[in-house]
Amino acid sequence: MPELPEVETIRRQLRPALVNREIGAVDAHSSEKFQPALEAAGTTITDLRRRGKYLIFDLDDGHEMLAHLGMTGSFRIDPSTTGSPDHERVGPHVRAVWQLDGGEDLIFRDIRRFGRLRVVPAGEYEGVPTLAAMGPEPLSDDFTGASLHHAVKRSTRAIKTQLLSQRPVAGVGNIYADEALFLAGIHPRRSRVGRDRCDTLAQTIKDVIAQGIDNGGTTLRDYVDAAGDEGSNQHALHVYGRAGEPCDQCGETLRSIVLDARTTCFCPACQT
């Protein structure tokens, strides 16, 4: 599933090409998850932002179009098809097409259809609970060891599960949680994390997120950026997806467990 670095990579690529572009006709798959795309017809995109794993298209009518990529969602800008946009004609797995002024289409593809689009009044996220309750952005000044400790200190859930909830910090998913916990030397099952360890963990979260952005995201199966290119961060991973291989810090064999229905990789020697 695309996490913050992947979504931020796409945002940085799309924003220069979309700001101040008017949306004309729109076509979308019949699923209620993609039909909200139609509500953006006739508006102008004034900005493209990100919050956690969500892309937020600011529209000039006072609304925002929210896009969650799910597991396999991706955006591209391509030359317009002839006539009105038709998601079935544009290509396989296309779920929505927005016709832009200047002869181009913004195209949303999603193979497994776990993505979702919504149009809401600006800043009103009551119908999107994950977004409404999301914690601070990891690269912001608001995210610190103190803020992380405050968010997790009363919970009895595993620290990795808490990170994936998006409440202590925004945008961290399975890949970057495993990597940050490894670098901080914290076992993913640990439920109590003291203030000093939270200081370390907050910094390793910042480090792995920044590295992921610098590397254009992590491509393991489906993720491609807005240019159709794979990221390269998969070549910099220490533990995620490497169960059975030696730890690159101590040589111990990396292990994999299922923690709250999520595959979790760690080093039993480095993460006690």
Protein backbone atom coordinates (compact mmCIF):
# COMPACT_ATOMS: atom_id res chain seq x y z
CA MET A 1 0.00 0.00 0.00
CA PRO A 2 1.41 3.44 -0.86
CA GLU A 3 2.50 5.22 2.31
CA LEU A 4 3.49 8.84 2.89
CA PRO A 5 6.70 8.85 0.78
CA GLU A 6 4.91 7.35 -2.22
CA VAL A 7 1.95 9.73 -1.97
CA GLU A 8 4.24 12.73 -1.46
CA THR A 9 6.29 11.74 -4.51
CA ILE A 10 3.13 11.70 -6.62
CA ARG A 11 1.96 15.02 -5.16
CA ARG A 12 5.24 16.74 -6.00
CA GLN A 13 5.06 15.48 -9.58
CA LEU A 14 1.40 16.36 -10.17
CA ARG A 15 1.12 19.72 -8.43
CA PRO A 16 2.98 21.89 -10.99
CA ALA A 17 0.88 20.39 -13.78
CA LEU A 18 -2.50 20.73 -12.04
CA VAL A 19 -2.63 24.04 -10.16
CA ASN A 20 -4.96 26.52 -11.88
CA ARG A 21 -6.20 23.88 -14.34
CA GLU A 22 -9.95 23.82 -15.01
CA ILE A 23 -11.77 20.49 -14.94
CA GLY A 24 -14.26 19.95 -17.73
CA ALA A 25 -16.13 16.71 -18.25
CA VAL A 26 -15.55 13.82 -15.85
CA ASP A 27 -16.22 10.10 -16.13
CA ALA A 28 -15.98 7.51 -13.34
CA HIS A 29 -16.54 3.85 -12.58
CA SER A 30 -20.01 3.10 -11.26
CA SER A 31 -18.75 2.12 -7.79
CA GLU A 32 -19.72 4.55 -5.03
CA LYS A 33 -16.02 4.74 -4.18
CA PHE A 34 -15.24 6.47 -7.47
CA GLN A 35 -18.48 8.28 -8.36
CA PRO A 36 -17.54 11.36 -6.25
CA ALA A 37 -15.08 12.20 -9.04
CA LEU A 38 -18.05 13.55 -10.99
CA GLU A 39 -18.60 16.29 -8.40
CA ALA A 40 -15.38 18.06 -9.43
CA ALA A 41 -16.67 18.84 -12.94
CA GLY A 42 -16.62 22.56 -13.73
CA THR A 43 -14.20 23.50 -10.95
CA THR A 44 -10.60 24.71 -11.01
CA ILE A 45 -7.83 23.04 -9.02
CA THR A 46 -6.22 25.72 -6.84
CA ASP A 47 -3.73 23.52 -4.98
CA LEU A 48 -2.70 19.91 -4.42
CA ARG A 49 -1.77 19.00 -0.87
CA ARG A 50 -1.16 15.85 1.14
CA ARG A 51 -2.27 14.79 4.61
CA GLY A 52 -0.90 11.44 5.72
CA LYS A 53 -1.65 9.05 2.87
CA TYR A 54 -4.37 11.27 1.35
CA LEU A 55 -4.01 13.55 -1.65
CA ILE A 56 -6.15 16.69 -1.25
CA PHE A 57 -7.19 18.59 -4.38
CA ASP A 58 -8.33 22.10 -3.41
CA LEU A 59 -11.18 23.24 -5.67
CA ASP A 60 -12.26 26.82 -6.30
CA ASP A 61 -15.87 26.16 -5.23
CA GLY A 62 -14.91 25.72 -1.56
CA HIS A 63 -14.63 21.94 -1.69
CA GLU A 64 -11.78 19.46 -1.53
CA MET A 65 -11.46 16.25 -3.50
CA LEU A 66 -9.82 13.61 -1.32
CA ALA A 67 -8.02 10.68 -2.92
CA HIS A 68 -6.76 7.60 -1.08
CA LEU A 69 -4.72 5.30 -3.29
CA GLY A 70 -5.62 2.12 -1.42
CA MET A 71 -3.20 -0.65 -2.37
CA THR A 72 -2.77 -0.14 -6.11
CA GLY A 73 -4.02 3.35 -6.97
CA SER A 74 -2.01 5.67 -9.20
CA PHE A 75 -2.45 9.01 -11.00
CA ARG A 76 -1.19 9.99 -14.45
CA ILE A 77 -1.65 12.97 -16.77
CA ASP A 78 -2.02 11.90 -20.39
CA PRO A 79 -3.16 13.55 -23.63
CA SER A 80 -6.95 13.70 -23.78
CA THR A 81 -8.93 11.04 -25.55
CA THR A 82 -11.22 12.09 -28.37
CA GLY A 83 -14.50 13.58 -27.18
CA SER A 84 -15.81 13.14 -23.65
CA PRO A 85 -13.72 11.19 -21.15
CA ASP A 86 -14.59 7.49 -20.94
CA HIS A 87 -12.82 5.51 -18.23
CA GLU A 88 -13.46 2.21 -20.00
CA ARG A 89 -11.98 3.44 -23.27
CA VAL A 90 -8.89 5.05 -21.71
CA GLY A 91 -7.45 1.71 -20.58
CA PRO A 92 -7.66 -1.20 -18.17
CA HIS A 93 -8.25 -0.56 -14.48
CA VAL A 94 -9.08 3.14 -15.00
CA ARG A 95 -11.58 4.26 -12.36
CA ALA A 96 -11.89 7.98 -13.08
CA VAL A 97 -10.93 10.51 -15.77
CA TRP A 98 -10.98 14.29 -15.34
CA GLN A 99 -10.71 16.28 -18.57
CA LEU A 100 -8.39 19.26 -18.08
CA ASP A 101 -8.21 22.45 -20.06
CA GLY A 102 -5.29 22.39 -22.46
CA GLY A 103 -6.04 18.98 -23.92
CA GLU A 104 -4.97 16.60 -21.15
CA ASP A 105 -6.69 14.11 -18.83
CA LEU A 106 -5.99 13.36 -15.20
CA ILE A 107 -6.40 9.59 -14.92
CA PHE A 108 -6.84 7.47 -11.79
CA ARG A 109 -6.06 3.77 -12.14
CA ASP A 110 -6.66 1.22 -9.41
CA ILE A 111 -6.22 -2.48 -10.16
CA ARG A 112 -7.66 -3.87 -6.93
CA ARG A 113 -10.22 -1.10 -6.36
CA PHE A 114 -9.28 -0.45 -2.73
CA GLY A 115 -8.79 3.27 -3.44
CA ARG A 116 -11.45 5.85 -2.72
CA LEU A 117 -12.44 9.35 -3.83
CA ARG A 118 -14.54 11.85 -1.87
CA VAL A 119 -15.55 15.46 -2.32
CA VAL A 120 -16.18 17.35 0.92
CA PRO A 121 -16.52 20.98 2.04
CA ALA A 122 -13.03 22.27 2.73
CA GLY A 123 -11.72 21.00 6.06
CA GLU A 124 -14.84 19.00 6.97
CA TYR A 125 -13.63 15.46 7.56
CA GLU A 126 -16.30 14.07 9.87
CA GLY A 127 -17.16 11.45 7.27
CA VAL A 128 -13.51 10.41 6.94
CA PRO A 129 -12.63 9.23 10.47
CA THR A 130 -9.02 8.30 9.72
CA LEU A 131 -8.31 11.75 8.31
CA ALA A 132 -10.22 13.55 11.06
CA ALA A 133 -8.26 11.85 13.86
CA MET A 134 -4.87 11.79 12.14
CA GLY A 135 -1.78 12.68 14.13
CA PRO A 136 0.93 15.20 13.22
CA GLU A 137 2.91 14.98 10.01
CA PRO A 138 6.20 13.16 10.71
CA LEU A 139 8.41 15.81 9.12
CA SER A 140 6.67 18.69 10.87
CA ASP A 141 7.83 20.45 14.03
CA ASP A 142 4.67 19.19 15.75
CA PHE A 143 5.94 15.61 15.71
CA THR A 144 8.47 15.06 18.48
CA GLY A 145 9.45 12.41 20.98
CA ALA A 146 7.25 14.19 23.50
CA SER A 147 4.21 14.15 21.21
CA LEU A 148 4.78 10.49 20.38
CA HIS A 149 5.14 9.54 24.05
CA HIS A 150 1.97 11.43 24.94
CA ALA A 151 0.06 9.58 22.22
CA VAL A 152 1.19 6.06 23.14
CA LYS A 153 1.90 6.08 26.87
CA ARG A 154 -1.56 4.96 28.02
CA SER A 155 -2.13 2.31 25.38
CA THR A 156 -1.66 -1.42 25.93
CA ARG A 157 -1.51 -2.15 22.21
CA ALA A 158 1.73 -3.08 20.46
CA ILE A 159 3.74 -0.04 19.41
CA LYS A 160 3.63 -1.03 15.75
CA THR A 161 -0.17 -1.32 15.86
CA GLN A 162 -0.33 2.15 17.37
CA LEU A 163 1.83 3.60 14.61
CA LEU A 164 -0.37 2.04 11.92
CA SER A 165 -3.48 3.61 13.49
CA GLN A 166 -2.30 7.01 12.15
CA ARG A 167 -3.08 8.65 15.51
CA PRO A 168 0.44 9.11 16.94
CA VAL A 169 1.82 10.18 13.55
CA ALA A 170 0.41 10.49 10.04
CA GLY A 171 1.31 8.48 6.98
CA VAL A 172 3.35 5.63 8.50
CA GLY A 173 2.34 2.19 7.24
CA ASN A 174 3.74 -1.32 7.36
CA ILE A 175 7.00 -0.70 5.51
CA TYR A 176 8.16 2.43 7.29
CA ALA A 177 6.96 1.27 10.72
CA ASP A 178 9.11 -1.88 10.46
CA GLU A 179 12.10 0.16 9.32
CA ALA A 180 11.77 2.84 12.00
CA LEU A 181 11.29 0.32 14.82
CA PHE A 182 14.37 -1.58 13.65
CA LEU A 183 16.55 1.51 13.59
CA ALA A 184 15.26 2.50 17.04
CA GLY A 185 15.96 -0.98 18.45
CA ILE A 186 12.35 -1.44 19.59
CA HIS A 187 10.53 -4.76 19.29
CA PRO A 188 7.28 -4.28 17.34
CA ARG A 189 5.29 -6.14 20.03
CA ARG A 190 6.42 -3.81 22.82
CA SER A 191 3.46 -1.97 24.32
CA ARG A 192 5.27 0.34 26.73
CA VAL A 193 7.78 2.73 25.21
CA GLY A 194 9.45 5.23 27.52
CA ARG A 195 10.14 8.85 26.78
CA ASP A 196 13.80 8.32 25.83
CA ARG A 197 12.90 5.50 23.44
CA CYS A 198 10.14 7.69 21.98
CA ASP A 199 12.72 10.39 21.29
CA THR A 200 14.77 7.85 19.35
CA LEU A 201 11.74 6.41 17.55
CA ALA A 202 10.46 9.83 16.51
CA GLN A 203 13.82 10.56 14.92
CA THR A 204 14.02 7.21 13.09
CA ILE A 205 10.49 7.75 11.76
CA LYS A 206 11.59 11.12 10.40
CA ASP A 207 14.71 9.52 8.91
CA VAL A 208 12.96 6.64 7.10
CA ILE A 209 10.20 8.90 5.77
CA ALA A 210 12.70 11.46 4.46
CA GLN A 211 14.78 8.70 2.88
CA GLY A 212 11.69 7.20 1.26
CA ILE A 213 10.79 10.56 -0.29
CA ASP A 214 14.36 11.10 -1.50
CA ASN A 215 14.26 7.67 -3.17
CA GLY A 216 10.92 8.28 -4.87
CA GLY A 217 9.07 5.72 -2.73
CA THR A 218 9.24 1.96 -2.30
CA THR A 219 8.16 -0.32 -5.14
CA LEU A 220 7.58 -3.92 -4.11
CA ARG A 221 4.80 -4.89 -6.52
CA ASP A 222 2.43 -2.28 -7.92
CA TYR A 223 3.53 1.22 -6.90
CA VAL A 224 4.61 3.58 -9.66
CA ASP A 225 4.84 7.35 -9.52
CA ALA A 226 2.97 9.86 -11.69
CA ALA A 227 5.47 9.32 -14.50
CA GLY A 228 4.94 5.56 -14.41
CA ASP A 229 8.36 4.93 -12.84
CA GLU A 230 9.16 2.67 -9.90
CA GLY A 231 10.70 4.03 -6.71
CA SER A 232 14.11 2.84 -5.51
CA ASN A 233 13.70 2.78 -1.72
CA GLN A 234 13.20 -0.99 -1.75
CA HIS A 235 16.97 -1.26 -2.19
CA ALA A 236 17.55 0.59 1.11
CA LEU A 237 15.28 -1.49 3.38
CA HIS A 238 16.88 -3.09 6.43
CA VAL A 239 14.14 -5.51 7.55
CA TYR A 240 10.87 -5.18 5.65
CA GLY A 241 10.40 -8.13 3.31
CA ARG A 242 13.75 -9.67 4.34
CA ALA A 243 12.63 -12.39 6.78
CA GLY A 244 15.07 -15.31 6.70
CA GLU A 245 17.98 -13.13 5.60
CA PRO A 246 20.81 -11.97 7.89
CA CYS A 247 20.46 -8.67 9.74
CA ASP A 248 22.74 -6.09 8.15
CA GLN A 249 23.73 -4.83 11.60
CA CYS A 250 24.38 -8.01 13.61
CA GLY A 251 24.06 -10.97 11.24
CA GLU A 252 21.18 -12.62 13.15
CA THR A 253 18.47 -14.14 10.97
CA LEU A 254 15.58 -11.73 10.53
CA ARG A 255 12.16 -13.03 11.54
CA SER A 256 8.58 -12.45 10.43
CA ILE A 257 5.45 -12.59 12.57
CA VAL A 258 1.83 -11.63 12.05
CA LEU A 259 0.94 -8.80 14.40
CA ASP A 260 -2.68 -7.64 14.38
CA ALA A 261 -3.13 -9.14 10.90
CA ARG A 262 -0.07 -7.37 9.49
CA THR A 263 3.13 -9.12 8.47
CA THR A 264 5.93 -7.72 10.59
CA CYS A 265 9.67 -8.16 10.07
CA PHE A 266 12.27 -7.56 12.77
CA CYS A 267 15.65 -8.59 14.15
CA PRO A 268 15.35 -10.66 17.36
CA ALA A 269 18.84 -9.56 18.48
CA CYS A 270 18.70 -5.83 17.69
CA GLN A 271 15.06 -5.37 18.73
CA THR A 272 14.71 -6.86 22.19
